[in-house]
Amino acid sequence: MEQKRIIIAIDGFSSTGKSTMAKTLARRIGYAYIDTGAMYRAVTLYCLDNGLADHDGNVNEEQLASQLGNISIDFRVNPADGRSETYLNGRCVEREIRDMRVSSAVSNVAKIAAVRRALVARQQEMGRGKGIVMDGRDIGTVVFPDAEMKVYVTASAETRARRRYDELVAKGNTAVTYDEVLHNVVERDRIDTTRAESPLRKADDAYTLDNSHMSIEQQDQWLLDLYHKITKQCNGQD
């Protein structure tokens, strides 16, 4: 009997490793992966490069809303390593959207109602055929409230800041300090959980994954075990 394909929604705080674990799970089960955080980062990069936002995160919302139709975001697999990369208007921006310049402004862009509504519509279209893993802040609560598998990922701010700092240093960014990264993590948490449009919150039927003290292998196995448990239930095998 053919197995029913499901939607997997992974939400949670910034720098919890959601994208990495979602990519790994998608690859292991043969699903498509959609990085919604990268979509908001791409819009933020567009704003910064086109004078619609300053380095303090102040955004010209009216101009941005009028230009949303000019912003094309898609994901392409890099044939060299098999990884999904983010493209903004036909240009690969995977590296640019991960730096602190974008990280410091993305929460202010992501809280704009017009931006969230436009990207949610695109995300829902991407998931129409199911068989996807999607991560972000509001996937299980707004984008796909009926997703069969919902996971809410959390870890302490200090743990997340240390992971993010180590990642930036490994990529050659030695100008940033741990305290700057920690401040950014805490501020993003505040904005993400208090914004009026689609605030970050745990869906009532989501499973909590606190990976503060878990290895990457342990969290990946946790997700895979949960996937098998839920798909058995969806296919009437449990």
C-alpha atoms as a PDB file:
ATOM      1  CA  MET A   1       0.000   0.000   0.000  1.00  0.00           C
ATOM      2  CA  GLU A   2       1.298   3.426  -0.964  1.00  0.00           C
ATOM      3  CA  GLN A   3       2.198   5.522   2.065  1.00  0.00           C
ATOM      4  CA  LYS A   4       0.354   8.806   2.530  1.00  0.00           C
ATOM      5  CA  ARG A   5       2.654  11.799   2.284  1.00  0.00           C
ATOM      6  CA  ILE A   6       2.340  14.403   5.006  1.00  0.00           C
ATOM      7  CA  ILE A   7       3.293  17.987   5.807  1.00  0.00           C
ATOM      8  CA  ILE A   8       5.961  18.435   8.480  1.00  0.00           C
ATOM      9  CA  ALA A   9       6.006  21.852  10.175  1.00  0.00           C
ATOM     10  CA  ILE A  10       9.044  22.751  12.284  1.00  0.00           C
ATOM     11  CA  ASP A  11       8.748  26.015  14.225  1.00  0.00           C
ATOM     12  CA  GLY A  12      10.835  27.575  16.959  1.00  0.00           C
ATOM     13  CA  PHE A  13      13.256  30.231  18.059  1.00  0.00           C
ATOM     14  CA  SER A  14      16.127  31.563  15.969  1.00  0.00           C
ATOM     15  CA  SER A  15      19.440  29.689  15.967  1.00  0.00           C
ATOM     16  CA  THR A  16      17.995  26.415  17.246  1.00  0.00           C
ATOM     17  CA  GLY A  17      19.193  24.592  14.150  1.00  0.00           C
ATOM     18  CA  LYS A  18      15.714  24.241  12.637  1.00  0.00           C
ATOM     19  CA  SER A  19      16.894  24.578   9.062  1.00  0.00           C
ATOM     20  CA  THR A  20      19.704  22.063   9.437  1.00  0.00           C
ATOM     21  CA  MET A  21      17.511  19.440  11.078  1.00  0.00           C
ATOM     22  CA  ALA A  22      14.686  20.042   8.603  1.00  0.00           C
ATOM     23  CA  LYS A  23      17.047  19.619   5.645  1.00  0.00           C
ATOM     24  CA  THR A  24      18.437  16.400   7.099  1.00  0.00           C
ATOM     25  CA  LEU A  25      14.991  14.953   7.782  1.00  0.00           C
ATOM     26  CA  ALA A  26      13.751  15.862   4.300  1.00  0.00           C
ATOM     27  CA  ARG A  27      16.756  14.212   2.699  1.00  0.00           C
ATOM     28  CA  ARG A  28      16.356  11.027   4.776  1.00  0.00           C
ATOM     29  CA  ILE A  29      12.664  10.558   4.000  1.00  0.00           C
ATOM     30  CA  GLY A  30      12.710  11.820   0.413  1.00  0.00           C
ATOM     31  CA  TYR A  31      10.638  14.967   0.983  1.00  0.00           C
ATOM     32  CA  ALA A  32      11.080  18.475  -0.402  1.00  0.00           C
ATOM     33  CA  TYR A  33      12.510  21.065   1.980  1.00  0.00           C
ATOM     34  CA  ILE A  34      11.356  24.694   2.162  1.00  0.00           C
ATOM     35  CA  ASP A  35      13.354  27.173   4.279  1.00  0.00           C
ATOM     36  CA  THR A  36      10.834  29.911   5.072  1.00  0.00           C
ATOM     37  CA  GLY A  37      13.357  31.761   7.211  1.00  0.00           C
ATOM     38  CA  ALA A  38      15.518  32.118   4.119  1.00  0.00           C
ATOM     39  CA  MET A  39      12.536  33.662   2.321  1.00  0.00           C
ATOM     40  CA  TYR A  40      12.212  36.396   4.957  1.00  0.00           C
ATOM     41  CA  ARG A  41      15.982  36.881   4.920  1.00  0.00           C
ATOM     42  CA  ALA A  42      15.892  37.265   1.140  1.00  0.00           C
ATOM     43  CA  VAL A  43      13.223  39.969   1.396  1.00  0.00           C
ATOM     44  CA  THR A  44      15.357  41.669   4.056  1.00  0.00           C
ATOM     45  CA  LEU A  45      18.413  41.578   1.786  1.00  0.00           C
ATOM     46  CA  TYR A  46      16.309  43.110  -0.994  1.00  0.00           C
ATOM     47  CA  CYS A  47      15.295  45.901   1.379  1.00  0.00           C
ATOM     48  CA  LEU A  48      18.870  46.611   2.463  1.00  0.00           C
ATOM     49  CA  ASP A  49      20.215  46.564  -1.081  1.00  0.00           C
ATOM     50  CA  ASN A  50      17.442  48.785  -2.430  1.00  0.00           C
ATOM     51  CA  GLY A  51      17.330  51.448   0.271  1.00  0.00           C
ATOM     52  CA  LEU A  52      14.091  50.241   1.847  1.00  0.00           C
ATOM     53  CA  ALA A  53      15.682  49.491   5.234  1.00  0.00           C
ATOM     54  CA  ASP A  54      18.606  50.876   7.195  1.00  0.00           C
ATOM     55  CA  HIS A  55      21.135  48.984   9.286  1.00  0.00           C
ATOM     56  CA  ASP A  56      19.065  49.593  12.437  1.00  0.00           C
ATOM     57  CA  GLY A  57      16.203  47.644  10.909  1.00  0.00           C
ATOM     58  CA  ASN A  58      13.906  50.600  10.201  1.00  0.00           C
ATOM     59  CA  VAL A  59      11.827  49.706   7.140  1.00  0.00           C
ATOM     60  CA  ASN A  60       9.910  51.832   4.660  1.00  0.00           C
ATOM     61  CA  GLU A  61       6.836  49.602   4.809  1.00  0.00           C
ATOM     62  CA  GLU A  62       4.828  51.456   2.150  1.00  0.00           C
ATOM     63  CA  GLN A  63       7.564  51.224  -0.471  1.00  0.00           C
ATOM     64  CA  LEU A  64       8.285  47.594   0.407  1.00  0.00           C
ATOM     65  CA  ALA A  65       4.623  46.629   0.068  1.00  0.00           C
ATOM     66  CA  SER A  66       4.522  48.229  -3.380  1.00  0.00           C
ATOM     67  CA  GLN A  67       7.596  46.259  -4.503  1.00  0.00           C
ATOM     68  CA  LEU A  68       6.729  42.788  -3.178  1.00  0.00           C
ATOM     69  CA  GLY A  69       5.623  41.782  -6.665  1.00  0.00           C
ATOM     70  CA  ASN A  70       9.173  42.438  -7.893  1.00  0.00           C
ATOM     71  CA  ILE A  71      10.705  39.983  -5.427  1.00  0.00           C
ATOM     72  CA  SER A  72      11.179  36.452  -6.751  1.00  0.00           C
ATOM     73  CA  ILE A  73      12.468  33.794  -4.337  1.00  0.00           C
ATOM     74  CA  ASP A  74      13.191  30.198  -5.219  1.00  0.00           C
ATOM     75  CA  PHE A  75      15.338  27.302  -4.056  1.00  0.00           C
ATOM     76  CA  ARG A  76      17.749  25.367  -6.244  1.00  0.00           C
ATOM     77  CA  VAL A  77      19.911  22.349  -5.477  1.00  0.00           C
ATOM     78  CA  ASN A  78      23.642  22.914  -5.818  1.00  0.00           C
ATOM     79  CA  PRO A  79      24.833  19.960  -7.935  1.00  0.00           C
ATOM     80  CA  ALA A  80      28.274  20.109  -6.304  1.00  0.00           C
ATOM     81  CA  ASP A  81      27.087  19.197  -2.805  1.00  0.00           C
ATOM     82  CA  GLY A  82      23.361  18.468  -3.140  1.00  0.00           C
ATOM     83  CA  ARG A  83      22.388  21.335  -0.840  1.00  0.00           C
ATOM     84  CA  SER A  84      19.425  23.629  -1.379  1.00  0.00           C
ATOM     85  CA  GLU A  85      20.384  27.268  -1.960  1.00  0.00           C
ATOM     86  CA  THR A  86      18.284  30.444  -1.894  1.00  0.00           C
ATOM     87  CA  TYR A  87      17.948  32.576  -5.015  1.00  0.00           C
ATOM     88  CA  LEU A  88      16.683  36.166  -5.021  1.00  0.00           C
ATOM     89  CA  ASN A  89      15.585  37.420  -8.433  1.00  0.00           C
ATOM     90  CA  GLY A  90      17.740  34.802 -10.107  1.00  0.00           C
ATOM     91  CA  ARG A  91      20.881  35.386  -8.019  1.00  0.00           C
ATOM     92  CA  CYS A  92      22.238  32.977  -5.403  1.00  0.00           C
ATOM     93  CA  VAL A  93      22.202  34.808  -2.059  1.00  0.00           C
ATOM     94  CA  GLU A  94      22.650  31.850   0.295  1.00  0.00           C
ATOM     95  CA  ARG A  95      25.782  33.271   1.915  1.00  0.00           C
ATOM     96  CA  GLU A  96      24.663  36.906   2.024  1.00  0.00           C
ATOM     97  CA  ILE A  97      21.378  36.212   3.830  1.00  0.00           C
ATOM     98  CA  ARG A  98      23.184  34.473   6.708  1.00  0.00           C
ATOM     99  CA  ASP A  99      25.411  37.356   7.801  1.00  0.00           C
ATOM    100  CA  MET A 100      24.777  39.703  10.728  1.00  0.00           C
ATOM    101  CA  ARG A 101      23.770  42.566   8.424  1.00  0.00           C
ATOM    102  CA  VAL A 102      20.635  40.626   7.484  1.00  0.00           C
ATOM    103  CA  SER A 103      20.197  38.953  10.886  1.00  0.00           C
ATOM    104  CA  SER A 104      19.974  42.335  12.593  1.00  0.00           C
ATOM    105  CA  ALA A 105      17.132  43.521  10.355  1.00  0.00           C
ATOM    106  CA  VAL A 106      15.160  40.397   9.464  1.00  0.00           C
ATOM    107  CA  SER A 107      12.784  40.375  12.448  1.00  0.00           C
ATOM    108  CA  ASN A 108      11.615  43.919  11.693  1.00  0.00           C
ATOM    109  CA  VAL A 109      10.960  42.976   8.073  1.00  0.00           C
ATOM    110  CA  ALA A 110       9.295  39.686   8.998  1.00  0.00           C
ATOM    111  CA  LYS A 111       6.790  41.352  11.328  1.00  0.00           C
ATOM    112  CA  ILE A 112       5.298  43.468   8.518  1.00  0.00           C
ATOM    113  CA  ALA A 113       1.802  42.191   7.738  1.00  0.00           C
ATOM    114  CA  ALA A 114       2.063  42.658   3.961  1.00  0.00           C
ATOM    115  CA  VAL A 115       5.317  40.670   3.862  1.00  0.00           C
ATOM    116  CA  ARG A 116       3.978  37.820   5.972  1.00  0.00           C
ATOM    117  CA  ARG A 117       0.758  37.535   3.972  1.00  0.00           C
ATOM    118  CA  ALA A 118       2.612  37.498   0.650  1.00  0.00           C
ATOM    119  CA  LEU A 119       5.108  34.854   1.760  1.00  0.00           C
ATOM    120  CA  VAL A 120       2.504  32.714   3.542  1.00  0.00           C
ATOM    121  CA  ALA A 121       0.537  32.528   0.292  1.00  0.00           C
ATOM    122  CA  ARG A 122       3.665  31.413  -1.567  1.00  0.00           C
ATOM    123  CA  GLN A 123       4.491  28.839   1.120  1.00  0.00           C
ATOM    124  CA  GLN A 124       0.985  27.381   1.061  1.00  0.00           C
ATOM    125  CA  GLU A 125       1.228  26.994  -2.708  1.00  0.00           C
ATOM    126  CA  MET A 126       4.560  25.178  -2.319  1.00  0.00           C
ATOM    127  CA  GLY A 127       2.985  22.698   0.095  1.00  0.00           C
ATOM    128  CA  ARG A 128      -0.149  21.969  -1.884  1.00  0.00           C
ATOM    129  CA  GLY A 129       1.068  18.510  -2.938  1.00  0.00           C
ATOM    130  CA  LYS A 130       2.309  17.566   0.562  1.00  0.00           C
ATOM    131  CA  GLY A 131       5.490  15.554   1.014  1.00  0.00           C
ATOM    132  CA  ILE A 132       7.350  18.606   2.363  1.00  0.00           C
ATOM    133  CA  VAL A 133       9.329  19.669   5.404  1.00  0.00           C
ATOM    134  CA  MET A 134       8.977  23.376   6.130  1.00  0.00           C
ATOM    135  CA  ASP A 135      10.559  25.331   8.978  1.00  0.00           C
ATOM    136  CA  GLY A 136       9.981  28.833  10.290  1.00  0.00           C
ATOM    137  CA  ARG A 137       8.111  30.734  13.004  1.00  0.00           C
ATOM    138  CA  ASP A 138       4.449  30.206  12.103  1.00  0.00           C
ATOM    139  CA  ILE A 139       4.293  27.083   9.940  1.00  0.00           C
ATOM    140  CA  GLY A 140       2.224  24.986  12.333  1.00  0.00           C
ATOM    141  CA  THR A 141       0.034  27.864  13.512  1.00  0.00           C
ATOM    142  CA  VAL A 142      -0.618  29.945  10.374  1.00  0.00           C
ATOM    143  CA  VAL A 143       0.804  28.449   7.181  1.00  0.00           C
ATOM    144  CA  PHE A 144      -0.240  24.827   7.757  1.00  0.00           C
ATOM    145  CA  PRO A 145      -2.407  24.609  10.913  1.00  0.00           C
ATOM    146  CA  ASP A 146      -3.557  21.154   9.752  1.00  0.00           C
ATOM    147  CA  ALA A 147      -0.041  19.746   9.279  1.00  0.00           C
ATOM    148  CA  GLU A 148       0.141  16.133  10.376  1.00  0.00           C
ATOM    149  CA  MET A 149       3.491  16.570  12.160  1.00  0.00           C
ATOM    150  CA  LYS A 150       4.321  19.706  14.116  1.00  0.00           C
ATOM    151  CA  VAL A 151       7.525  20.284  16.062  1.00  0.00           C
ATOM    152  CA  TYR A 152       8.422  23.272  18.232  1.00  0.00           C
ATOM    153  CA  VAL A 153      12.188  23.640  18.725  1.00  0.00           C
ATOM    154  CA  THR A 154      13.695  25.528  21.633  1.00  0.00           C
ATOM    155  CA  ALA A 155      16.986  25.989  23.501  1.00  0.00           C
ATOM    156  CA  SER A 156      18.397  28.573  25.911  1.00  0.00           C
ATOM    157  CA  ALA A 157      19.373  31.948  24.441  1.00  0.00           C
ATOM    158  CA  GLU A 158      22.971  31.428  25.579  1.00  0.00           C
ATOM    159  CA  THR A 159      23.204  28.035  23.870  1.00  0.00           C
ATOM    160  CA  ARG A 160      21.756  29.426  20.659  1.00  0.00           C
ATOM    161  CA  ALA A 161      24.057  32.456  20.698  1.00  0.00           C
ATOM    162  CA  ARG A 162      27.114  30.257  21.190  1.00  0.00           C
ATOM    163  CA  ARG A 163      26.109  28.035  18.269  1.00  0.00           C
ATOM    164  CA  ARG A 164      25.463  31.037  16.032  1.00  0.00           C
ATOM    165  CA  TYR A 165      28.730  32.725  17.052  1.00  0.00           C
ATOM    166  CA  ASP A 166      30.757  29.572  16.376  1.00  0.00           C
ATOM    167  CA  GLU A 167      29.056  29.233  12.976  1.00  0.00           C
ATOM    168  CA  LEU A 168      29.906  32.805  11.998  1.00  0.00           C
ATOM    169  CA  VAL A 169      33.534  32.442  13.109  1.00  0.00           C
ATOM    170  CA  ALA A 170      33.840  29.180  11.187  1.00  0.00           C
ATOM    171  CA  LYS A 171      32.696  31.051   8.072  1.00  0.00           C
ATOM    172  CA  GLY A 172      35.424  33.650   8.579  1.00  0.00           C
ATOM    173  CA  ASN A 173      33.434  36.398  10.297  1.00  0.00           C
ATOM    174  CA  THR A 174      35.837  37.303  13.104  1.00  0.00           C
ATOM    175  CA  ALA A 175      34.599  40.884  13.571  1.00  0.00           C
ATOM    176  CA  VAL A 176      31.466  39.890  15.457  1.00  0.00           C
ATOM    177  CA  THR A 177      31.539  39.213  19.225  1.00  0.00           C
ATOM    178  CA  TYR A 178      29.604  36.652  21.242  1.00  0.00           C
ATOM    179  CA  ASP A 179      27.852  39.452  23.181  1.00  0.00           C
ATOM    180  CA  GLU A 180      26.639  41.009  19.917  1.00  0.00           C
ATOM    181  CA  VAL A 181      25.235  37.682  18.786  1.00  0.00           C
ATOM    182  CA  LEU A 182      23.557  37.062  22.155  1.00  0.00           C
ATOM    183  CA  HIS A 183      21.962  40.510  22.033  1.00  0.00           C
ATOM    184  CA  ASN A 184      20.710  39.792  18.513  1.00  0.00           C
ATOM    185  CA  VAL A 185      19.226  36.429  19.592  1.00  0.00           C
ATOM    186  CA  VAL A 186      17.416  37.943  22.592  1.00  0.00           C
ATOM    187  CA  GLU A 187      16.101  40.882  20.549  1.00  0.00           C
ATOM    188  CA  ARG A 188      14.860  38.594  17.785  1.00  0.00           C
ATOM    189  CA  ASP A 189      13.074  36.463  20.390  1.00  0.00           C
ATOM    190  CA  ARG A 190      11.345  39.569  21.727  1.00  0.00           C
ATOM    191  CA  ILE A 191      10.233  40.757  18.301  1.00  0.00           C
ATOM    192  CA  ASP A 192       9.183  37.309  17.080  1.00  0.00           C
ATOM    193  CA  THR A 193       7.031  36.540  20.131  1.00  0.00           C
ATOM    194  CA  THR A 194       5.378  39.958  20.492  1.00  0.00           C
ATOM    195  CA  ARG A 195       4.670  41.021  16.899  1.00  0.00           C
ATOM    196  CA  ALA A 196       1.026  41.593  16.005  1.00  0.00           C
ATOM    197  CA  GLU A 197       1.107  39.536  12.798  1.00  0.00           C
ATOM    198  CA  SER A 198       1.608  35.762  13.281  1.00  0.00           C
ATOM    199  CA  PRO A 199       3.718  35.832  16.470  1.00  0.00           C
ATOM    200  CA  LEU A 200       5.925  32.884  17.304  1.00  0.00           C
ATOM    201  CA  ARG A 201       4.082  30.451  19.556  1.00  0.00           C
ATOM    202  CA  LYS A 202       3.804  26.729  20.044  1.00  0.00           C
ATOM    203  CA  ALA A 203       0.825  25.094  18.340  1.00  0.00           C
ATOM    204  CA  ASP A 204      -1.379  23.214  20.786  1.00  0.00           C
ATOM    205  CA  ASP A 205      -0.694  19.898  19.054  1.00  0.00           C
ATOM    206  CA  ALA A 206       3.049  20.408  18.478  1.00  0.00           C
ATOM    207  CA  TYR A 207       5.755  18.225  19.975  1.00  0.00           C
ATOM    208  CA  THR A 208       8.444  20.166  21.876  1.00  0.00           C
ATOM    209  CA  LEU A 209      12.077  19.485  21.028  1.00  0.00           C
ATOM    210  CA  ASP A 210      14.506  21.115  23.483  1.00  0.00           C
ATOM    211  CA  ASN A 211      17.904  20.469  21.952  1.00  0.00           C
ATOM    212  CA  SER A 212      19.957  22.459  24.477  1.00  0.00           C
ATOM    213  CA  HIS A 213      21.840  19.331  25.498  1.00  0.00           C
ATOM    214  CA  MET A 214      21.335  17.097  22.480  1.00  0.00           C
ATOM    215  CA  SER A 215      23.853  16.142  19.821  1.00  0.00           C
ATOM    216  CA  ILE A 216      22.958  16.617  16.175  1.00  0.00           C
ATOM    217  CA  GLU A 217      22.690  12.843  15.815  1.00  0.00           C
ATOM    218  CA  GLN A 218      20.295  12.606  18.775  1.00  0.00           C
ATOM    219  CA  GLN A 219      17.955  15.335  17.513  1.00  0.00           C
ATOM    220  CA  ASP A 220      17.952  13.884  13.993  1.00  0.00           C
ATOM    221  CA  GLN A 221      17.013  10.457  15.350  1.00  0.00           C
ATOM    222  CA  TRP A 222      14.310  12.025  17.559  1.00  0.00           C
ATOM    223  CA  LEU A 223      12.719  13.626  14.505  1.00  0.00           C
ATOM    224  CA  LEU A 224      12.977  10.496  12.401  1.00  0.00           C
ATOM    225  CA  ASP A 225      11.385   8.376  15.139  1.00  0.00           C
ATOM    226  CA  LEU A 226       8.539  10.897  15.463  1.00  0.00           C
ATOM    227  CA  TYR A 227       8.026  10.887  11.693  1.00  0.00           C
ATOM    228  CA  HIS A 228       7.729   7.087  11.613  1.00  0.00           C
ATOM    229  CA  LYS A 229       5.314   7.154  14.554  1.00  0.00           C
ATOM    230  CA  ILE A 230       3.039   9.745  12.922  1.00  0.00           C
ATOM    231  CA  THR A 231       3.077   8.218   9.437  1.00  0.00           C
ATOM    232  CA  LYS A 232       2.091   4.852  10.924  1.00  0.00           C
ATOM    233  CA  GLN A 233      -0.889   6.554  12.567  1.00  0.00           C
ATOM    234  CA  CYS A 234      -1.801   8.357   9.314  1.00  0.00           C
ATOM    235  CA  ASN A 235      -1.696   5.083   7.420  1.00  0.00           C
ATOM    236  CA  GLY A 236      -3.728   3.195  10.011  1.00  0.00           C
ATOM    237  CA  GLN A 237      -0.814   0.996  11.072  1.00  0.00           C
ATOM    238  CA  ASP A 238      -0.788   1.926  14.742  1.00  0.00           C
END
